[in-house]
Protein backbone atom coordinates (compact mmCIF):
# COMPACT_ATOMS: atom_id res chain seq x y z
CA PRO A 1 94.29 89.30 119.67
CA ALA A 2 91.78 92.16 119.42
CA PHE A 3 91.31 92.16 123.18
CA GLY A 4 95.08 92.32 123.57
CA ARG A 5 95.29 95.34 121.26
CA VAL A 6 92.78 97.19 123.42
CA LEU A 7 94.33 96.38 126.80
CA GLY A 8 97.95 95.53 126.04
CA TYR A 9 97.95 91.88 127.20
CA ALA A 10 99.15 88.89 125.24
CA ALA A 11 96.71 85.96 125.03
CA ASP A 12 98.75 83.75 127.35
CA GLU A 13 98.72 86.49 130.01
CA ILE A 14 94.93 86.47 130.37
CA THR A 15 93.64 83.12 129.08
CA GLY A 16 92.41 80.98 131.98
CA LYS A 17 92.63 83.82 134.49
CA ARG A 18 89.77 84.95 136.72
CA CYS A 19 88.38 88.47 136.88
CA ALA A 20 88.94 88.47 140.64
CA GLU A 21 92.70 88.06 140.08
CA ASN A 22 92.75 91.81 139.46
CA ILE A 23 94.02 91.76 135.90
CA LEU A 24 91.32 93.93 134.37
CA VAL A 25 89.95 95.39 137.61
CA HIS A 26 86.63 96.64 136.23
CA VAL A 27 85.51 99.94 137.75
CA ASP A 28 82.65 102.30 136.95
CA ASP A 29 82.96 106.08 136.67
CA LYS A 30 82.63 106.38 140.46
CA GLY A 31 85.60 104.07 141.07
CA THR A 32 83.41 101.17 142.28
CA GLN A 33 85.18 97.81 141.96
CA LEU A 34 82.65 95.86 139.89
CA CYS A 35 84.10 92.47 140.78
CA GLN A 36 82.90 93.19 144.31
CA GLU A 37 79.69 95.04 143.54
CA GLY A 38 77.65 95.43 140.36
CA CYS A 39 79.38 92.99 137.97
CA PRO A 40 77.19 92.82 134.82
CA ALA A 41 78.35 89.26 133.99
CA SER A 42 77.42 87.99 137.46
CA ALA A 43 74.00 89.64 137.20
CA THR A 44 73.34 88.02 133.80
CA LEU A 45 74.41 84.62 135.11
CA ALA A 46 71.87 85.06 137.90
CA ASP A 47 68.83 86.26 135.95
CA GLY A 48 69.56 85.61 132.25
CA VAL A 49 68.96 89.24 131.24
CA VAL A 50 71.10 90.61 128.40
CA ARG A 51 72.99 93.66 129.65
CA GLN A 52 75.02 96.55 128.32
CA ALA A 53 77.26 98.71 130.49
CA SER A 54 80.06 101.26 130.26
CA VAL A 55 83.06 100.28 132.37
CA PHE A 56 86.74 101.17 132.69
CA LEU A 57 89.30 98.39 132.38
CA HIS A 58 92.88 98.37 133.61
CA HIS A 59 95.38 98.55 130.75
CA LYS A 60 98.65 96.65 131.15
CA GLN A 61 100.49 100.00 131.17
CA GLY A 62 98.44 101.10 134.18
CA HIS A 63 95.88 103.57 132.83
CA ARG A 64 92.13 103.14 132.47
CA ILE A 65 90.39 102.42 129.15
CA PRO A 66 86.66 103.17 128.61
CA VAL A 67 84.93 100.07 127.27
CA SER A 68 81.36 99.14 126.33
CA VAL A 69 80.40 95.71 127.68
CA TRP A 70 77.65 93.48 126.27
CA VAL A 71 76.75 90.37 128.28
CA ALA A 72 74.43 87.54 127.21
CA PRO A 73 73.60 84.19 128.83
CA ILE A 74 74.49 80.80 127.34
CA ARG A 75 71.86 78.12 127.99
CA ASP A 76 71.84 74.33 127.71
CA GLU A 77 69.22 72.29 125.83
CA ASN A 78 66.86 72.58 128.81
CA GLY A 79 67.11 76.36 128.97
CA ALA A 80 69.26 76.45 132.10
CA ILE A 81 71.97 79.11 132.24
CA ILE A 82 75.38 77.43 132.15
CA ALA A 83 77.65 80.37 131.23
CA ALA A 84 77.75 83.91 129.88
CA VAL A 85 79.59 85.57 127.03
CA GLU A 86 80.97 89.06 127.52
CA VAL A 87 81.91 91.23 124.54
CA PHE A 88 84.04 94.37 124.92
CA GLN A 89 84.28 97.33 122.56
CA ASP A 90 86.92 100.04 122.90
CA ASN A 91 85.28 103.43 123.47
CA THR A 92 88.32 105.67 123.08
CA GLN A 93 87.32 106.92 119.65
CA SER A 94 90.90 106.08 118.81
CA LEU A 95 90.64 106.76 115.09
CA ALA A 96 89.58 110.37 115.60
CA LEU A 97 92.16 110.81 118.35
CA ASN A 98 94.93 109.35 116.20
CA ARG A 99 94.04 111.77 113.43
CA ARG A 100 94.38 114.61 115.92
CA VAL A 101 97.80 113.34 117.01
CA THR A 102 98.97 113.28 113.40
CA GLU A 103 97.76 116.84 112.83
CA LEU A 104 99.44 118.11 116.00
CA GLU A 105 102.70 116.36 115.13
CA GLN A 106 102.69 118.05 111.75
CA ILE A 107 102.55 121.51 113.31
CA ALA A 108 104.92 120.68 116.20
CA LEU A 109 102.45 121.40 118.98
CA LEU A 110 102.89 118.24 121.03
CA ASP A 111 104.54 117.92 124.42
CA PRO A 112 107.49 115.57 123.76
CA LEU A 113 107.15 113.54 126.98
CA THR A 114 103.42 112.91 127.15
CA GLY A 115 102.31 113.29 123.53
CA LEU A 116 99.58 115.73 124.60
CA ALA A 117 99.13 119.26 123.30
CA ASN A 118 101.78 121.63 124.58
CA ARG A 119 101.30 125.04 126.21
CA ARG A 120 101.40 126.91 122.92
CA TYR A 121 98.61 124.85 121.42
CA ILE A 122 96.49 125.04 124.60
CA GLU A 123 96.62 128.85 124.51
CA SER A 124 95.80 128.96 120.78
CA HIS A 125 92.87 126.56 121.13
CA LEU A 126 91.55 128.36 124.20
CA LYS A 127 91.62 131.69 122.33
CA THR A 128 89.53 130.10 119.56
CA CYS A 129 87.04 128.77 122.12
CA LEU A 130 86.71 132.20 123.73
CA ASP A 131 86.16 133.86 120.34
CA GLU A 132 83.43 131.33 119.49
CA TRP A 133 81.81 131.75 122.89
CA THR A 134 81.77 135.53 122.48
CA ARG A 135 80.33 135.39 118.95
CA TYR A 136 78.03 132.35 119.11
CA TYR A 137 77.82 131.53 122.84
CA TRP A 138 79.12 128.01 122.23
CA PRO A 139 79.69 126.70 125.78
CA PHE A 140 82.94 125.21 127.02
CA GLY A 141 84.89 124.77 130.23
CA VAL A 142 88.50 124.63 131.40
CA LEU A 143 90.04 122.19 133.87
CA MET A 144 93.42 122.75 135.48
CA LEU A 145 94.91 119.59 137.02
CA ASP A 146 97.92 119.29 139.28
CA LEU A 147 99.34 115.98 140.53
CA ASP A 148 99.40 115.80 144.33
CA HIS A 149 102.74 115.37 146.10
CA PHE A 150 104.48 114.73 142.78
CA LYS A 151 107.85 115.83 144.20
CA ASN A 152 107.64 112.94 146.69
CA ILE A 153 107.34 110.49 143.78
CA ASN A 154 110.47 111.91 142.14
CA ASP A 155 112.36 111.92 145.45
CA THR A 156 111.30 108.40 146.44
CA HIS A 157 111.25 106.55 143.12
CA GLY A 158 113.41 108.71 140.85
CA HIS A 159 112.68 111.02 137.93
CA ALA A 160 112.31 108.16 135.45
CA THR A 161 109.37 106.84 137.45
CA GLY A 162 108.05 110.39 137.74
CA ASP A 163 108.07 110.62 133.95
CA GLU A 164 106.17 107.32 133.75
CA VAL A 165 103.54 108.72 136.13
CA LEU A 166 103.16 111.80 133.91
CA LYS A 167 102.73 109.58 130.86
CA MET A 168 100.23 107.38 132.69
CA VAL A 169 98.10 110.38 133.66
CA SER A 170 98.33 111.64 130.08
CA ARG A 171 96.98 108.31 128.82
CA VAL A 172 94.08 108.53 131.28
CA LEU A 173 93.15 111.95 129.90
CA PHE A 174 93.71 110.96 126.27
CA SER A 175 91.64 107.79 126.57
CA ASN A 176 88.69 109.25 128.45
CA LEU A 177 87.90 112.50 126.66
CA ARG A 178 85.75 112.99 123.60
CA SER A 179 87.51 113.45 120.26
CA PHE A 180 86.71 117.19 120.16
CA ASP A 181 87.97 117.91 123.70
CA LEU A 182 91.61 118.87 124.20
CA ALA A 183 94.04 117.71 126.87
CA GLY A 184 97.46 119.27 127.20
CA ARG A 185 100.45 119.47 129.49
CA TRP A 186 100.72 122.97 130.87
CA GLY A 187 104.11 122.40 132.45
CA GLY A 188 105.75 120.23 135.10
CA GLU A 189 103.00 118.13 136.67
CA GLU A 190 100.17 120.44 135.57
CA PHE A 191 97.65 119.61 132.84
CA VAL A 192 94.86 121.58 131.17
CA VAL A 193 91.68 120.11 129.68
CA ILE A 194 89.37 122.18 127.44
CA CYS A 195 85.89 120.65 127.19
CA LEU A 196 83.46 121.77 124.51
CA ASN A 197 79.65 121.87 124.68
CA VAL A 198 79.40 121.47 128.45
CA ASP A 199 77.47 123.39 131.06
CA ARG A 200 78.68 123.87 134.63
CA ALA A 201 77.19 120.60 135.92
CA GLN A 202 78.62 118.58 133.02
CA LEU A 203 82.04 120.18 133.51
CA LEU A 204 81.97 119.23 137.19
CA ASP A 205 80.93 115.65 136.36
CA LEU A 206 83.75 115.28 133.83
CA ALA A 207 86.32 116.68 136.26
CA GLU A 208 85.18 114.27 138.97
CA ARG A 209 85.33 111.32 136.56
CA LEU A 210 88.90 112.18 135.53
CA ARG A 211 89.89 112.59 139.18
CA VAL A 212 88.57 109.11 140.01
CA LEU A 213 90.22 107.48 136.99
CA VAL A 214 93.61 109.00 137.79
CA GLN A 215 93.26 107.82 141.38
CA GLU A 216 92.42 104.29 140.19
CA SER A 217 95.37 104.04 137.76
CA SER A 218 98.98 103.09 138.49
CA VAL A 219 102.43 102.54 137.01
CA PRO A 220 102.78 98.73 137.18
CA HIS A 221 106.51 98.22 136.66
CA ALA A 222 107.35 100.71 139.42
CA GLY A 223 105.62 98.66 142.09
CA GLY A 224 102.18 100.05 141.34
CA VAL A 225 102.99 103.71 142.00
CA ARG A 226 99.78 105.73 142.24
CA VAL A 227 99.03 109.42 142.23
CA THR A 228 96.03 111.64 142.87
CA THR A 229 95.15 114.95 141.27
CA SER A 230 93.64 118.21 142.46
CA ILE A 231 91.45 119.96 139.89
CA GLY A 232 90.16 123.48 139.37
CA ALA A 233 87.32 124.15 136.93
CA ALA A 234 86.19 127.39 135.30
CA SER A 235 83.60 128.47 132.74
CA PRO A 236 83.91 131.57 130.54
CA ARG A 237 82.65 134.99 131.62
CA PRO A 238 82.06 138.15 129.56
CA GLY A 239 85.34 139.92 128.92
CA ASP A 240 87.47 136.84 129.63
CA SER A 241 90.90 136.47 128.09
CA VAL A 242 93.02 133.35 127.83
CA GLN A 243 94.94 134.51 130.87
CA SER A 244 91.90 135.35 133.01
CA ILE A 245 90.02 132.08 132.56
CA LEU A 246 93.21 130.07 133.16
CA ALA A 247 93.92 132.17 136.26
CA ARG A 248 90.44 131.43 137.57
CA ALA A 249 90.85 127.69 136.97
CA ASP A 250 94.24 127.88 138.69
CA ALA A 251 92.70 129.66 141.68
CA MET A 252 90.12 126.88 141.97
CA LEU A 253 92.95 124.34 141.76
CA TYR A 254 94.60 126.10 144.69
CA GLU A 255 91.33 125.84 146.64
CA SER A 256 91.30 122.08 146.00
CA LYS A 257 94.85 121.87 147.35
CA LYS A 258 93.93 123.88 150.45
CA ALA A 259 90.87 121.68 151.09
CA GLY A 260 92.96 118.51 151.29
CA ARG A 261 93.88 117.59 147.69
CA ASN A 262 92.40 114.87 145.45
CA ARG A 263 89.22 116.86 144.87
CA VAL A 264 87.52 119.19 142.40
CA THR A 265 86.62 122.84 142.94
CA ILE A 266 84.61 124.82 140.40
CA ASP A 267 84.23 128.60 140.18
CA ASP A 268 80.94 130.35 140.92
């Protein structure tokens, strides 16, 4: 039951199934399919070493969930390895995130479709971050995300499916950010992520991880509709305003689009 609460499956949907049947579809933060390469359970079955790993499992609703995996061998009376036990722990920091949702609902700053912060809250939070950066030099970064060829999804599958894609991407962002980061819907198919306590390299790594996880997610009941995202990243500069740092992230997003989409571009 606990496993089902994390990943949305009922017990009879997963009991007796094999990993290779692509139910959970383990991937790492590079998008590597672990059933094909780097499976921690297979490695433990081979050498008997207890392992821990961070992986991303496929939720029944299509998005990716960050999970800590602990694998240990099971031996018979002669010490031979006969099986392995794999324990999963949800890494979404859901309690802290749920508290944030409650707070945002109370002050009416949520986007009604996705449940993320809306444009008003993004601007307010970004102003606070800029003030703190100016006064205390507390680092942060801004990501602007735009879904590639989103109009084609609406035209081909309908606006209801388009809404499901937006909600799926929102769940990817919500599930894979730290509790003190902020993800919001800027408008249409654009999203903004504000990441605290990151330098330029860390901001780029986070953007690339989110890009991969969006790419590896899908809307299951719509025939597995997938989408990719182009991302622009920007760090604060002296004299920045809310408008200027967002404009710089947006310009980098445009560069990602020009370079072929489904990529990250960061400002200099």
